[in-house]
Amino acid sequence: MHAQYGDEGPSGPVKQWHMVLDEKSVALCGRDIDPGAATLDQTEWGRTKETCCRACGVNWLQSVPFLADEHDRQDYLP
């Protein structure tokens, strides 16, 4: 995950988070990302106070398999 900043740049708050594969500077939504932007581990997706890019989320979730045996069922079943 890489940060996208607002008008203030890196000195200001994070505007939203994007998913980037292989440490490239282009997000899954196609947006160019500053290579020096703050990063977070992909496991933080959806857990930040800032929004996460919806287009990146869709692309990322479609590319990552959900393997039920790797997750605790109580986390996703009522």
PDB file of N, CA and C in Angstrom:
ATOM      1  N   MET A   1       0.845  -1.175   0.000  1.00  0.00           N
ATOM      2  CA  MET A   1       0.000   0.000   0.000  1.00  0.00           C
ATOM      3  C   MET A   1       0.891   1.238   0.000  1.00  0.00           C
ATOM      4  N   HIS A   2       0.541   2.202  -0.841  1.00  0.00           N
ATOM      5  CA  HIS A   2       1.277   3.455  -0.911  1.00  0.00           C
ATOM      6  C   HIS A   2       0.306   4.621  -0.733  1.00  0.00           C
ATOM      7  N   ALA A   3       0.797   5.651  -0.079  1.00  0.00           N
ATOM      8  CA  ALA A   3      -0.026   6.824   0.205  1.00  0.00           C
ATOM      9  C   ALA A   3      -0.135   7.745  -1.004  1.00  0.00           C
ATOM     10  N   GLN A   4      -1.294   8.364  -1.118  1.00  0.00           N
ATOM     11  CA  GLN A   4      -1.497   9.480  -2.046  1.00  0.00           C
ATOM     12  C   GLN A   4      -1.754  10.682  -1.159  1.00  0.00           C
ATOM     13  N   TYR A   5      -1.013  11.752  -1.393  1.00  0.00           N
ATOM     14  CA  TYR A   5      -1.147  12.948  -0.572  1.00  0.00           C
ATOM     15  C   TYR A   5      -2.033  13.980  -1.253  1.00  0.00           C
ATOM     16  N   GLY A   6      -2.522  14.914  -0.477  1.00  0.00           N
ATOM     17  CA  GLY A   6      -3.325  16.011  -1.003  1.00  0.00           C
ATOM     18  C   GLY A   6      -2.445  17.139  -1.504  1.00  0.00           C
ATOM     19  N   ASP A   7      -2.989  18.347  -1.533  1.00  0.00           N
ATOM     20  CA  ASP A   7      -2.295  19.510  -2.066  1.00  0.00           C
ATOM     21  C   ASP A   7      -1.020  19.868  -1.293  1.00  0.00           C
ATOM     22  N   GLU A   8      -0.951  19.505  -0.023  1.00  0.00           N
ATOM     23  CA  GLU A   8       0.210  19.845   0.799  1.00  0.00           C
ATOM     24  C   GLU A   8       1.390  18.906   0.570  1.00  0.00           C
ATOM     25  N   GLY A   9       1.189  17.848  -0.190  1.00  0.00           N
ATOM     26  CA  GLY A   9       2.255  16.887  -0.443  1.00  0.00           C
ATOM     27  C   GLY A   9       2.557  16.054   0.792  1.00  0.00           C
ATOM     28  N   PRO A  10       3.730  15.462   0.847  1.00  0.00           N
ATOM     29  CA  PRO A  10       4.084  14.572   1.958  1.00  0.00           C
ATOM     30  C   PRO A  10       4.071  15.227   3.333  1.00  0.00           C
ATOM     31  N   SER A  11       4.132  16.569   3.388  1.00  0.00           N
ATOM     32  CA  SER A  11       4.081  17.239   4.691  1.00  0.00           C
ATOM     33  C   SER A  11       2.660  17.289   5.245  1.00  0.00           C
ATOM     34  N   GLY A  12       1.679  17.027   4.396  1.00  0.00           N
ATOM     35  CA  GLY A  12       0.283  17.038   4.818  1.00  0.00           C
ATOM     36  C   GLY A  12      -0.233  15.634   5.082  1.00  0.00           C
ATOM     37  N   PRO A  13      -1.520  15.526   5.322  1.00  0.00           N
ATOM     38  CA  PRO A  13      -2.100  14.218   5.605  1.00  0.00           C
ATOM     39  C   PRO A  13      -2.233  13.343   4.354  1.00  0.00           C
ATOM     40  N   VAL A  14      -2.363  12.057   4.585  1.00  0.00           N
ATOM     41  CA  VAL A  14      -2.607  11.104   3.498  1.00  0.00           C
ATOM     42  C   VAL A  14      -4.040  11.311   3.013  1.00  0.00           C
ATOM     43  N   LYS A  15      -4.204  11.447   1.711  1.00  0.00           N
ATOM     44  CA  LYS A  15      -5.536  11.616   1.122  1.00  0.00           C
ATOM     45  C   LYS A  15      -6.229  10.264   1.006  1.00  0.00           C
ATOM     46  N   GLN A  16      -5.517   9.277   0.464  1.00  0.00           N
ATOM     47  CA  GLN A  16      -6.045   7.916   0.403  1.00  0.00           C
ATOM     48  C   GLN A  16      -4.901   6.946   0.131  1.00  0.00           C
ATOM     49  N   TRP A  17      -5.191   5.678   0.303  1.00  0.00           N
ATOM     50  CA  TRP A  17      -4.202   4.615   0.119  1.00  0.00           C
ATOM     51  C   TRP A  17      -4.483   3.866  -1.168  1.00  0.00           C
ATOM     52  N   HIS A  18      -3.416   3.480  -1.852  1.00  0.00           N
ATOM     53  CA  HIS A  18      -3.506   2.723  -3.099  1.00  0.00           C
ATOM     54  C   HIS A  18      -2.738   1.420  -2.957  1.00  0.00           C
ATOM     55  N   MET A  19      -3.159   0.420  -3.704  1.00  0.00           N
ATOM     56  CA  MET A  19      -2.452  -0.855  -3.730  1.00  0.00           C
ATOM     57  C   MET A  19      -1.478  -0.844  -4.899  1.00  0.00           C
ATOM     58  N   VAL A  20      -0.247  -1.211  -4.618  1.00  0.00           N
ATOM     59  CA  VAL A  20       0.816  -1.242  -5.610  1.00  0.00           C
ATOM     60  C   VAL A  20       1.463  -2.618  -5.557  1.00  0.00           C
ATOM     61  N   LEU A  21       1.642  -3.242  -6.705  1.00  0.00           N
ATOM     62  CA  LEU A  21       2.288  -4.554  -6.747  1.00  0.00           C
ATOM     63  C   LEU A  21       3.775  -4.408  -7.016  1.00  0.00           C
ATOM     64  N   ASP A  22       4.558  -5.255  -6.411  1.00  0.00           N
ATOM     65  CA  ASP A  22       5.991  -5.343  -6.684  1.00  0.00           C
ATOM     66  C   ASP A  22       6.735  -4.030  -6.498  1.00  0.00           C
ATOM     67  N   GLU A  23       6.283  -3.224  -5.553  1.00  0.00           N
ATOM     68  CA  GLU A  23       6.958  -1.960  -5.221  1.00  0.00           C
ATOM     69  C   GLU A  23       7.128  -1.024  -6.420  1.00  0.00           C
ATOM     70  N   LYS A  24       6.207  -1.091  -7.349  1.00  0.00           N
ATOM     71  CA  LYS A  24       6.230  -0.176  -8.497  1.00  0.00           C
ATOM     72  C   LYS A  24       5.613   1.157  -8.073  1.00  0.00           C
ATOM     73  N   SER A  25       5.726   2.164  -8.925  1.00  0.00           N
ATOM     74  CA  SER A  25       5.162   3.467  -8.578  1.00  0.00           C
ATOM     75  C   SER A  25       3.876   3.759  -9.347  1.00  0.00           C
ATOM     76  N   VAL A  26       3.204   2.697  -9.816  1.00  0.00           N
ATOM     77  CA  VAL A  26       1.893   2.839 -10.438  1.00  0.00           C
ATOM     78  C   VAL A  26       0.920   1.956  -9.670  1.00  0.00           C
ATOM     79  N   ALA A  27      -0.154   2.565  -9.189  1.00  0.00           N
ATOM     80  CA  ALA A  27      -1.151   1.823  -8.414  1.00  0.00           C
ATOM     81  C   ALA A  27      -1.997   0.947  -9.337  1.00  0.00           C
ATOM     82  N   LEU A  28      -2.707   0.000  -8.750  1.00  0.00           N
ATOM     83  CA  LEU A  28      -3.566  -0.888  -9.536  1.00  0.00           C
ATOM     84  C   LEU A  28      -4.662  -0.131 -10.272  1.00  0.00           C
ATOM     85  N   CYS A  29      -5.005   1.064  -9.809  1.00  0.00           N
ATOM     86  CA  CYS A  29      -6.018   1.879 -10.484  1.00  0.00           C
ATOM     87  C   CYS A  29      -5.423   2.669 -11.646  1.00  0.00           C
ATOM     88  N   GLY A  30      -4.087   2.648 -11.785  1.00  0.00           N
ATOM     89  CA  GLY A  30      -3.424   3.372 -12.858  1.00  0.00           C
ATOM     90  C   GLY A  30      -2.800   4.689 -12.440  1.00  0.00           C
ATOM     91  N   ARG A  31      -3.065   5.121 -11.217  1.00  0.00           N
ATOM     92  CA  ARG A  31      -2.520   6.403 -10.735  1.00  0.00           C
ATOM     93  C   ARG A  31      -1.020   6.274 -10.486  1.00  0.00           C
ATOM     94  N   ASP A  32      -0.262   7.295 -10.916  1.00  0.00           N
ATOM     95  CA  ASP A  32       1.165   7.348 -10.599  1.00  0.00           C
ATOM     96  C   ASP A  32       1.316   7.713  -9.131  1.00  0.00           C
ATOM     97  N   ILE A  33       2.158   6.970  -8.446  1.00  0.00           N
ATOM     98  CA  ILE A  33       2.382   7.175  -7.020  1.00  0.00           C
ATOM     99  C   ILE A  33       3.823   7.617  -6.804  1.00  0.00           C
ATOM    100  N   ASP A  34       4.012   8.587  -5.939  1.00  0.00           N
ATOM    101  CA  ASP A  34       5.352   9.053  -5.598  1.00  0.00           C
ATOM    102  C   ASP A  34       6.138   7.897  -4.986  1.00  0.00           C
ATOM    103  N   PRO A  35       7.291   7.536  -5.565  1.00  0.00           N
ATOM    104  CA  PRO A  35       8.070   6.411  -5.041  1.00  0.00           C
ATOM    105  C   PRO A  35       8.500   6.607  -3.581  1.00  0.00           C
ATOM    106  N   GLY A  36       8.544   7.858  -3.125  1.00  0.00           N
ATOM    107  CA  GLY A  36       8.925   8.133  -1.747  1.00  0.00           C
ATOM    108  C   GLY A  36       7.749   8.216  -0.784  1.00  0.00           C
ATOM    109  N   ALA A  37       6.546   7.908  -1.271  1.00  0.00           N
ATOM    110  CA  ALA A  37       5.351   7.993  -0.432  1.00  0.00           C
ATOM    111  C   ALA A  37       5.393   6.959   0.690  1.00  0.00           C
ATOM    112  N   ALA A  38       4.689   7.267   1.757  1.00  0.00           N
ATOM    113  CA  ALA A  38       4.593   6.334   2.880  1.00  0.00           C
ATOM    114  C   ALA A  38       3.986   5.021   2.400  1.00  0.00           C
ATOM    115  N   THR A  39       4.379   3.944   3.043  1.00  0.00           N
ATOM    116  CA  THR A  39       3.857   2.627   2.687  1.00  0.00           C
ATOM    117  C   THR A  39       3.324   1.921   3.926  1.00  0.00           C
ATOM    118  N   LEU A  40       2.424   1.003   3.691  1.00  0.00           N
ATOM    119  CA  LEU A  40       1.894   0.112   4.722  1.00  0.00           C
ATOM    120  C   LEU A  40       1.832  -1.289   4.129  1.00  0.00           C
ATOM    121  N   ASP A  41       1.827  -2.283   4.979  1.00  0.00           N
ATOM    122  CA  ASP A  41       1.676  -3.661   4.536  1.00  0.00           C
ATOM    123  C   ASP A  41       0.271  -3.866   3.977  1.00  0.00           C
ATOM    124  N   GLN A  42       0.141  -4.734   3.005  1.00  0.00           N
ATOM    125  CA  GLN A  42      -1.162  -4.988   2.373  1.00  0.00           C
ATOM    126  C   GLN A  42      -2.213  -5.474   3.358  1.00  0.00           C
ATOM    127  N   THR A  43      -1.801  -6.036   4.474  1.00  0.00           N
ATOM    128  CA  THR A  43      -2.767  -6.513   5.472  1.00  0.00           C
ATOM    129  C   THR A  43      -3.484  -5.371   6.175  1.00  0.00           C
ATOM    130  N   GLU A  44      -3.031  -4.145   5.977  1.00  0.00           N
ATOM    131  CA  GLU A  44      -3.680  -2.976   6.581  1.00  0.00           C
ATOM    132  C   GLU A  44      -4.812  -2.421   5.713  1.00  0.00           C
ATOM    133  N   TRP A  45      -5.044  -3.019   4.544  1.00  0.00           N
ATOM    134  CA  TRP A  45      -6.095  -2.536   3.629  1.00  0.00           C
ATOM    135  C   TRP A  45      -7.436  -2.501   4.363  1.00  0.00           C
ATOM    136  N   GLY A  46      -8.089  -1.353   4.341  1.00  0.00           N
ATOM    137  CA  GLY A  46      -9.391  -1.197   4.981  1.00  0.00           C
ATOM    138  C   GLY A  46      -9.325  -0.937   6.481  1.00  0.00           C
ATOM    139  N   ARG A  47      -8.144  -0.885   7.040  1.00  0.00           N
ATOM    140  CA  ARG A  47      -7.992  -0.661   8.488  1.00  0.00           C
ATOM    141  C   ARG A  47      -7.462   0.730   8.815  1.00  0.00           C
ATOM    142  N   THR A  48      -7.234   1.539   7.810  1.00  0.00           N
ATOM    143  CA  THR A  48      -6.687   2.869   8.037  1.00  0.00           C
ATOM    144  C   THR A  48      -7.810   3.869   8.259  1.00  0.00           C
ATOM    145  N   LYS A  49      -7.470   4.988   8.942  1.00  0.00           N
ATOM    146  CA  LYS A  49      -8.489   6.028   9.129  1.00  0.00           C
ATOM    147  C   LYS A  49      -8.751   6.765   7.819  1.00  0.00           C
ATOM    148  N   GLU A  50      -7.754   6.779   6.927  1.00  0.00           N
ATOM    149  CA  GLU A  50      -7.937   7.385   5.607  1.00  0.00           C
ATOM    150  C   GLU A  50      -8.615   6.362   4.692  1.00  0.00           C
ATOM    151  N   THR A  51      -9.261   6.864   3.658  1.00  0.00           N
ATOM    152  CA  THR A  51      -9.924   5.952   2.729  1.00  0.00           C
ATOM    153  C   THR A  51      -8.902   5.193   1.884  1.00  0.00           C
ATOM    154  N   CYS A  52      -9.343   4.068   1.375  1.00  0.00           N
ATOM    155  CA  CYS A  52      -8.552   3.271   0.442  1.00  0.00           C
ATOM    156  C   CYS A  52      -9.217   3.392  -0.923  1.00  0.00           C
ATOM    157  N   CYS A  53      -8.417   3.462  -1.953  1.00  0.00           N
ATOM    158  CA  CYS A  53      -8.920   3.615  -3.319  1.00  0.00           C
ATOM    159  C   CYS A  53      -9.812   2.431  -3.689  1.00  0.00           C
ATOM    160  N   ARG A  54     -11.026   2.724  -4.058  1.00  0.00           N
ATOM    161  CA  ARG A  54     -11.988   1.679  -4.395  1.00  0.00           C
ATOM    162  C   ARG A  54     -11.537   0.873  -5.616  1.00  0.00           C
ATOM    163  N   ALA A  55     -11.032   1.546  -6.642  1.00  0.00           N
ATOM    164  CA  ALA A  55     -10.597   0.849  -7.858  1.00  0.00           C
ATOM    165  C   ALA A  55      -9.426  -0.086  -7.559  1.00  0.00           C
ATOM    166  N   CYS A  56      -8.484   0.367  -6.738  1.00  0.00           N
ATOM    167  CA  CYS A  56      -7.374  -0.511  -6.345  1.00  0.00           C
ATOM    168  C   CYS A  56      -7.899  -1.725  -5.587  1.00  0.00           C
ATOM    169  N   GLY A  57      -8.848  -1.495  -4.694  1.00  0.00           N
ATOM    170  CA  GLY A  57      -9.415  -2.590  -3.905  1.00  0.00           C
ATOM    171  C   GLY A  57     -10.078  -3.635  -4.773  1.00  0.00           C
ATOM    172  N   VAL A  58     -10.857  -3.198  -5.752  1.00  0.00           N
ATOM    173  CA  VAL A  58     -11.530  -4.132  -6.656  1.00  0.00           C
ATOM    174  C   VAL A  58     -10.509  -4.949  -7.431  1.00  0.00           C
ATOM    175  N   ASN A  59      -9.516  -4.274  -8.002  1.00  0.00           N
ATOM    176  CA  ASN A  59      -8.495  -4.985  -8.772  1.00  0.00           C
ATOM    177  C   ASN A  59      -7.696  -5.947  -7.911  1.00  0.00           C
ATOM    178  N   TRP A  60      -7.356  -5.510  -6.721  1.00  0.00           N
ATOM    179  CA  TRP A  60      -6.560  -6.358  -5.834  1.00  0.00           C
ATOM    180  C   TRP A  60      -7.350  -7.581  -5.379  1.00  0.00           C
ATOM    181  N   LEU A  61      -8.595  -7.368  -4.943  1.00  0.00           N
ATOM    182  CA  LEU A  61      -9.409  -8.493  -4.463  1.00  0.00           C
ATOM    183  C   LEU A  61      -9.721  -9.490  -5.567  1.00  0.00           C
ATOM    184  N   GLN A  62      -9.818  -9.034  -6.792  1.00  0.00           N
ATOM    185  CA  GLN A  62     -10.062  -9.951  -7.900  1.00  0.00           C
ATOM    186  C   GLN A  62      -8.818 -10.756  -8.267  1.00  0.00           C
ATOM    187  N   SER A  63      -7.653 -10.268  -7.876  1.00  0.00           N
ATOM    188  CA  SER A  63      -6.419 -10.963  -8.230  1.00  0.00           C
ATOM    189  C   SER A  63      -5.887 -11.865  -7.120  1.00  0.00           C
ATOM    190  N   VAL A  64      -6.443 -11.744  -5.921  1.00  0.00           N
ATOM    191  CA  VAL A  64      -5.964 -12.522  -4.777  1.00  0.00           C
ATOM    192  C   VAL A  64      -6.993 -13.602  -4.460  1.00  0.00           C
ATOM    193  N   PRO A  65      -6.586 -14.861  -4.470  1.00  0.00           N
ATOM    194  CA  PRO A  65      -7.556 -15.924  -4.176  1.00  0.00           C
ATOM    195  C   PRO A  65      -7.948 -15.925  -2.701  1.00  0.00           C
ATOM    196  N   PHE A  66      -9.204 -16.233  -2.435  1.00  0.00           N
ATOM    197  CA  PHE A  66      -9.673 -16.408  -1.062  1.00  0.00           C
ATOM    198  C   PHE A  66      -9.654 -17.899  -0.772  1.00  0.00           C
ATOM    199  N   LEU A  67      -8.796 -18.297   0.111  1.00  0.00           N
ATOM    200  CA  LEU A  67      -8.686 -19.698   0.494  1.00  0.00           C
ATOM    201  C   LEU A  67      -9.230 -19.838   1.911  1.00  0.00           C
ATOM    202  N   ALA A  68     -10.433 -20.370   2.027  1.00  0.00           N
ATOM    203  CA  ALA A  68     -11.129 -20.424   3.299  1.00  0.00           C
ATOM    204  C   ALA A  68     -10.309 -21.098   4.393  1.00  0.00           C
ATOM    205  N   ASP A  69      -9.517 -22.078   4.044  1.00  0.00           N
ATOM    206  CA  ASP A  69      -8.733 -22.777   5.056  1.00  0.00           C
ATOM    207  C   ASP A  69      -7.646 -21.893   5.676  1.00  0.00           C
ATOM    208  N   GLU A  70      -7.354 -20.767   5.062  1.00  0.00           N
ATOM    209  CA  GLU A  70      -6.340 -19.867   5.599  1.00  0.00           C
ATOM    210  C   GLU A  70      -6.922 -18.823   6.543  1.00  0.00           C
ATOM    211  N   HIS A  71      -8.235 -18.850   6.760  1.00  0.00           N
ATOM    212  CA  HIS A  71      -8.896 -17.838   7.570  1.00  0.00           C
ATOM    213  C   HIS A  71      -9.741 -18.494   8.652  1.00  0.00           C
ATOM    214  N   ASP A  72      -9.897 -17.761   9.746  1.00  0.00           N
ATOM    215  CA  ASP A  72     -10.758 -18.237  10.818  1.00  0.00           C
ATOM    216  C   ASP A  72     -12.194 -17.970  10.384  1.00  0.00           C
ATOM    217  N   ARG A  73     -13.000 -18.992  10.305  1.00  0.00           N
ATOM    218  CA  ARG A  73     -14.382 -18.853   9.796  1.00  0.00           C
ATOM    219  C   ARG A  73     -15.204 -17.833  10.575  1.00  0.00           C
ATOM    220  N   GLN A  74     -14.930 -17.654  11.835  1.00  0.00           N
ATOM    221  CA  GLN A  74     -15.718 -16.701  12.620  1.00  0.00           C
ATOM    222  C   GLN A  74     -15.495 -15.257  12.144  1.00  0.00           C
ATOM    223  N   ASP A  75     -14.424 -15.024  11.377  1.00  0.00           N
ATOM    224  CA  ASP A  75     -14.166 -13.692  10.858  1.00  0.00           C
ATOM    225  C   ASP A  75     -15.032 -13.335   9.654  1.00  0.00           C
ATOM    226  N   TYR A  76     -15.583 -14.320   8.962  1.00  0.00           N
ATOM    227  CA  TYR A  76     -16.367 -14.008   7.768  1.00  0.00           C
ATOM    228  C   TYR A  76     -17.716 -14.707   7.688  1.00  0.00           C
ATOM    229  N   LEU A  77     -18.060 -15.533   8.639  1.00  0.00           N
ATOM    230  CA  LEU A  77     -19.386 -16.158   8.679  1.00  0.00           C
ATOM    231  C   LEU A  77     -20.129 -15.672   9.914  1.00  0.00           C
ATOM    232  N   PRO A  78     -21.440 -15.463   9.783  1.00  0.00           N
ATOM    233  CA  PRO A  78     -22.214 -14.988  10.961  1.00  0.00           C
ATOM    234  C   PRO A  78     -22.289 -16.037  12.044  1.00  0.00           C
TER     235      PRO A  78
END
